[in-house]
């Protein structure tokens, strides 16, 4: 390529302007993601500790307690957002994201803890 062709940009390209999120919005999204991760971790930890106690005393587990803990972890996030003065009026897709992240970390945490216990028993 010649120097002349590099200096002249084609004018026929219609590029849409790129929207860059505001720094406050960006950090807010990161904080909301971290809250979802922490909520999922603690929900998995609570399920492991208390579901194990319920299984030992009753002999069987229905899993309803675990689902209720997961739902509570998702619903508590709105109140955490209010305390931290983050935007808490999110769209449906944002709440779906929050719920999915919480579910993912709840599931992974609980599975790892249960797998570790199974290895110790065997």
C-alpha atoms as a PDB file:
ATOM      1  CA  UNK A   1       0.000   0.000   0.000  1.00  0.00           C
ATOM      2  CA  UNK A   2       1.185   3.440  -0.768  1.00  0.00           C
ATOM      3  CA  UNK A   3       1.301   6.310   1.643  1.00  0.00           C
ATOM      4  CA  UNK A   4      -1.383   8.110  -0.315  1.00  0.00           C
ATOM      5  CA  UNK A   5      -3.897   5.256   0.014  1.00  0.00           C
ATOM      6  CA  UNK A   6      -3.339   5.050   3.756  1.00  0.00           C
ATOM      7  CA  UNK A   7      -4.049   8.730   4.280  1.00  0.00           C
ATOM      8  CA  UNK A   8      -7.343   8.809   2.404  1.00  0.00           C
ATOM      9  CA  UNK A   9     -10.116   6.881   4.075  1.00  0.00           C
ATOM     10  CA  UNK A  10     -13.015   5.637   1.979  1.00  0.00           C
ATOM     11  CA  UNK A  11     -16.121   7.704   2.564  1.00  0.00           C
ATOM     12  CA  UNK A  12     -18.567   5.040   1.465  1.00  0.00           C
ATOM     13  CA  UNK A  13     -18.369   3.101   4.730  1.00  0.00           C
ATOM     14  CA  UNK A  14     -21.271   3.950   7.022  1.00  0.00           C
ATOM     15  CA  UNK A  15     -20.075   2.894  10.431  1.00  0.00           C
ATOM     16  CA  UNK A  16     -22.502   3.136  13.285  1.00  0.00           C
ATOM     17  CA  UNK A  17     -21.156   5.044  16.242  1.00  0.00           C
ATOM     18  CA  UNK A  18     -19.861   2.777  18.946  1.00  0.00           C
ATOM     19  CA  UNK A  19     -21.535   3.348  22.279  1.00  0.00           C
ATOM     20  CA  UNK A  20     -19.116   3.108  25.147  1.00  0.00           C
ATOM     21  CA  UNK A  21     -20.777   2.597  28.531  1.00  0.00           C
ATOM     22  CA  UNK A  22     -20.279   5.222  31.147  1.00  0.00           C
ATOM     23  CA  UNK A  23     -17.662   4.285  33.761  1.00  0.00           C
ATOM     24  CA  UNK A  24     -20.282   4.326  36.518  1.00  0.00           C
ATOM     25  CA  UNK A  25     -22.539   1.965  34.582  1.00  0.00           C
ATOM     26  CA  UNK A  26     -19.605  -0.312  33.774  1.00  0.00           C
ATOM     27  CA  UNK A  27     -18.410  -0.568  37.360  1.00  0.00           C
ATOM     28  CA  UNK A  28     -22.012  -1.017  38.485  1.00  0.00           C
ATOM     29  CA  UNK A  29     -22.384  -4.030  36.198  1.00  0.00           C
ATOM     30  CA  UNK A  30     -19.147  -5.499  37.510  1.00  0.00           C
ATOM     31  CA  UNK A  31     -20.293  -5.017  41.107  1.00  0.00           C
ATOM     32  CA  UNK A  32     -23.667  -6.616  40.317  1.00  0.00           C
ATOM     33  CA  UNK A  33     -21.870  -9.609  38.793  1.00  0.00           C
ATOM     34  CA  UNK A  34     -19.642  -9.951  41.853  1.00  0.00           C
ATOM     35  CA  UNK A  35     -22.719  -9.815  44.089  1.00  0.00           C
ATOM     36  CA  UNK A  36     -24.330 -12.617  42.048  1.00  0.00           C
ATOM     37  CA  UNK A  37     -21.165 -14.721  42.333  1.00  0.00           C
ATOM     38  CA  UNK A  38     -20.898 -14.205  46.098  1.00  0.00           C
ATOM     39  CA  UNK A  39     -24.624 -14.889  46.596  1.00  0.00           C
ATOM     40  CA  UNK A  40     -24.330 -18.121  44.614  1.00  0.00           C
ATOM     41  CA  UNK A  41     -21.272 -19.204  46.576  1.00  0.00           C
ATOM     42  CA  UNK A  42     -22.923 -18.618  49.932  1.00  0.00           C
ATOM     43  CA  UNK A  43     -26.155 -20.267  48.776  1.00  0.00           C
ATOM     44  CA  UNK A  44     -24.166 -23.374  47.808  1.00  0.00           C
ATOM     45  CA  UNK A  45     -22.352 -23.320  51.124  1.00  0.00           C
ATOM     46  CA  UNK A  46     -25.622 -22.981  53.066  1.00  0.00           C
ATOM     47  CA  UNK A  47     -27.185 -25.824  51.083  1.00  0.00           C
ATOM     48  CA  UNK A  48     -24.212 -28.059  51.776  1.00  0.00           C
ATOM     49  CA  UNK A  49     -24.181 -27.390  55.508  1.00  0.00           C
ATOM     50  CA  UNK A  50     -27.900 -27.448  56.234  1.00  0.00           C
ATOM     51  CA  UNK A  51     -29.004 -30.033  53.680  1.00  0.00           C
ATOM     52  CA  UNK A  52     -26.426 -32.413  55.118  1.00  0.00           C
ATOM     53  CA  UNK A  53     -27.891 -31.895  58.575  1.00  0.00           C
ATOM     54  CA  UNK A  54     -31.429 -32.463  57.276  1.00  0.00           C
ATOM     55  CA  UNK A  55     -30.388 -35.628  55.451  1.00  0.00           C
ATOM     56  CA  UNK A  56     -28.681 -37.041  58.522  1.00  0.00           C
ATOM     57  CA  UNK A  57     -31.658 -36.395  60.803  1.00  0.00           C
ATOM     58  CA  UNK A  58     -34.501 -37.332  58.423  1.00  0.00           C
ATOM     59  CA  UNK A  59     -32.762 -39.953  56.349  1.00  0.00           C
ATOM     60  CA  UNK A  60     -33.788 -38.530  52.953  1.00  0.00           C
ATOM     61  CA  UNK A  61     -33.621 -35.242  51.118  1.00  0.00           C
ATOM     62  CA  UNK A  62     -36.238 -33.706  48.834  1.00  0.00           C
ATOM     63  CA  UNK A  63     -34.160 -30.809  47.531  1.00  0.00           C
ATOM     64  CA  UNK A  64     -36.858 -28.224  48.178  1.00  0.00           C
ATOM     65  CA  UNK A  65     -34.705 -26.530  50.802  1.00  0.00           C
ATOM     66  CA  UNK A  66     -31.916 -26.071  48.269  1.00  0.00           C
ATOM     67  CA  UNK A  67     -34.234 -24.496  45.696  1.00  0.00           C
ATOM     68  CA  UNK A  68     -35.648 -22.144  48.334  1.00  0.00           C
ATOM     69  CA  UNK A  69     -32.144 -21.068  49.333  1.00  0.00           C
ATOM     70  CA  UNK A  70     -31.320 -20.384  45.675  1.00  0.00           C
ATOM     71  CA  UNK A  71     -34.481 -18.301  45.181  1.00  0.00           C
ATOM     72  CA  UNK A  72     -33.760 -16.376  48.381  1.00  0.00           C
ATOM     73  CA  UNK A  73     -30.204 -15.663  47.196  1.00  0.00           C
ATOM     74  CA  UNK A  74     -31.552 -14.234  43.940  1.00  0.00           C
ATOM     75  CA  UNK A  75     -34.224 -12.127  45.635  1.00  0.00           C
ATOM     76  CA  UNK A  76     -31.881 -10.727  48.295  1.00  0.00           C
ATOM     77  CA  UNK A  77     -29.708  -9.187  45.594  1.00  0.00           C
ATOM     78  CA  UNK A  78     -32.209  -6.389  44.947  1.00  0.00           C
ATOM     79  CA  UNK A  79     -31.928  -5.301  48.564  1.00  0.00           C
ATOM     80  CA  UNK A  80     -28.136  -5.486  48.418  1.00  0.00           C
ATOM     81  CA  UNK A  81     -28.260  -3.242  45.336  1.00  0.00           C
ATOM     82  CA  UNK A  82     -30.374  -0.746  47.281  1.00  0.00           C
ATOM     83  CA  UNK A  83     -27.930  -0.710  50.191  1.00  0.00           C
ATOM     84  CA  UNK A  84     -24.968  -0.200  47.861  1.00  0.00           C
ATOM     85  CA  UNK A  85     -26.931   2.471  45.938  1.00  0.00           C
ATOM     86  CA  UNK A  86     -26.682   0.627  42.645  1.00  0.00           C
ATOM     87  CA  UNK A  87     -29.370   0.759  39.988  1.00  0.00           C
ATOM     88  CA  UNK A  88     -31.826  -1.949  41.023  1.00  0.00           C
ATOM     89  CA  UNK A  89     -34.604  -1.390  38.485  1.00  0.00           C
ATOM     90  CA  UNK A  90     -33.179  -3.825  35.976  1.00  0.00           C
ATOM     91  CA  UNK A  91     -34.751  -5.226  32.843  1.00  0.00           C
ATOM     92  CA  UNK A  92     -35.892  -8.841  32.598  1.00  0.00           C
ATOM     93  CA  UNK A  93     -32.765  -9.910  30.760  1.00  0.00           C
ATOM     94  CA  UNK A  94     -30.581  -8.351  33.468  1.00  0.00           C
ATOM     95  CA  UNK A  95     -32.446 -10.193  36.214  1.00  0.00           C
ATOM     96  CA  UNK A  96     -32.171 -13.369  34.159  1.00  0.00           C
ATOM     97  CA  UNK A  97     -28.414 -12.808  34.030  1.00  0.00           C
ATOM     98  CA  UNK A  98     -28.280 -12.215  37.792  1.00  0.00           C
ATOM     99  CA  UNK A  99     -30.283 -15.369  38.393  1.00  0.00           C
ATOM    100  CA  UNK A 100     -28.197 -17.434  36.009  1.00  0.00           C
ATOM    101  CA  UNK A 101     -24.913 -16.316  37.567  1.00  0.00           C
ATOM    102  CA  UNK A 102     -26.250 -17.036  41.039  1.00  0.00           C
ATOM    103  CA  UNK A 103     -27.545 -20.447  39.938  1.00  0.00           C
ATOM    104  CA  UNK A 104     -24.235 -21.307  38.262  1.00  0.00           C
ATOM    105  CA  UNK A 105     -22.108 -20.542  41.292  1.00  0.00           C
ATOM    106  CA  UNK A 106     -24.628 -22.155  43.650  1.00  0.00           C
ATOM    107  CA  UNK A 107     -24.563 -25.342  41.597  1.00  0.00           C
ATOM    108  CA  UNK A 108     -20.780 -25.453  41.173  1.00  0.00           C
ATOM    109  CA  UNK A 109     -20.092 -24.696  44.836  1.00  0.00           C
ATOM    110  CA  UNK A 110     -22.574 -27.243  46.121  1.00  0.00           C
ATOM    111  CA  UNK A 111     -21.357 -29.901  43.651  1.00  0.00           C
ATOM    112  CA  UNK A 112     -17.698 -29.419  44.593  1.00  0.00           C
ATOM    113  CA  UNK A 113     -18.503 -29.606  48.293  1.00  0.00           C
ATOM    114  CA  UNK A 114     -20.628 -32.726  47.830  1.00  0.00           C
ATOM    115  CA  UNK A 115     -17.930 -34.351  45.689  1.00  0.00           C
ATOM    116  CA  UNK A 116     -15.327 -33.683  48.361  1.00  0.00           C
ATOM    117  CA  UNK A 117     -17.553 -35.282  50.972  1.00  0.00           C
ATOM    118  CA  UNK A 118     -18.176 -38.319  48.765  1.00  0.00           C
ATOM    119  CA  UNK A 119     -14.430 -38.829  48.355  1.00  0.00           C
ATOM    120  CA  UNK A 120     -13.899 -38.725  52.118  1.00  0.00           C
ATOM    121  CA  UNK A 121     -16.669 -41.269  52.754  1.00  0.00           C
ATOM    122  CA  UNK A 122     -15.424 -43.726  50.124  1.00  0.00           C
END
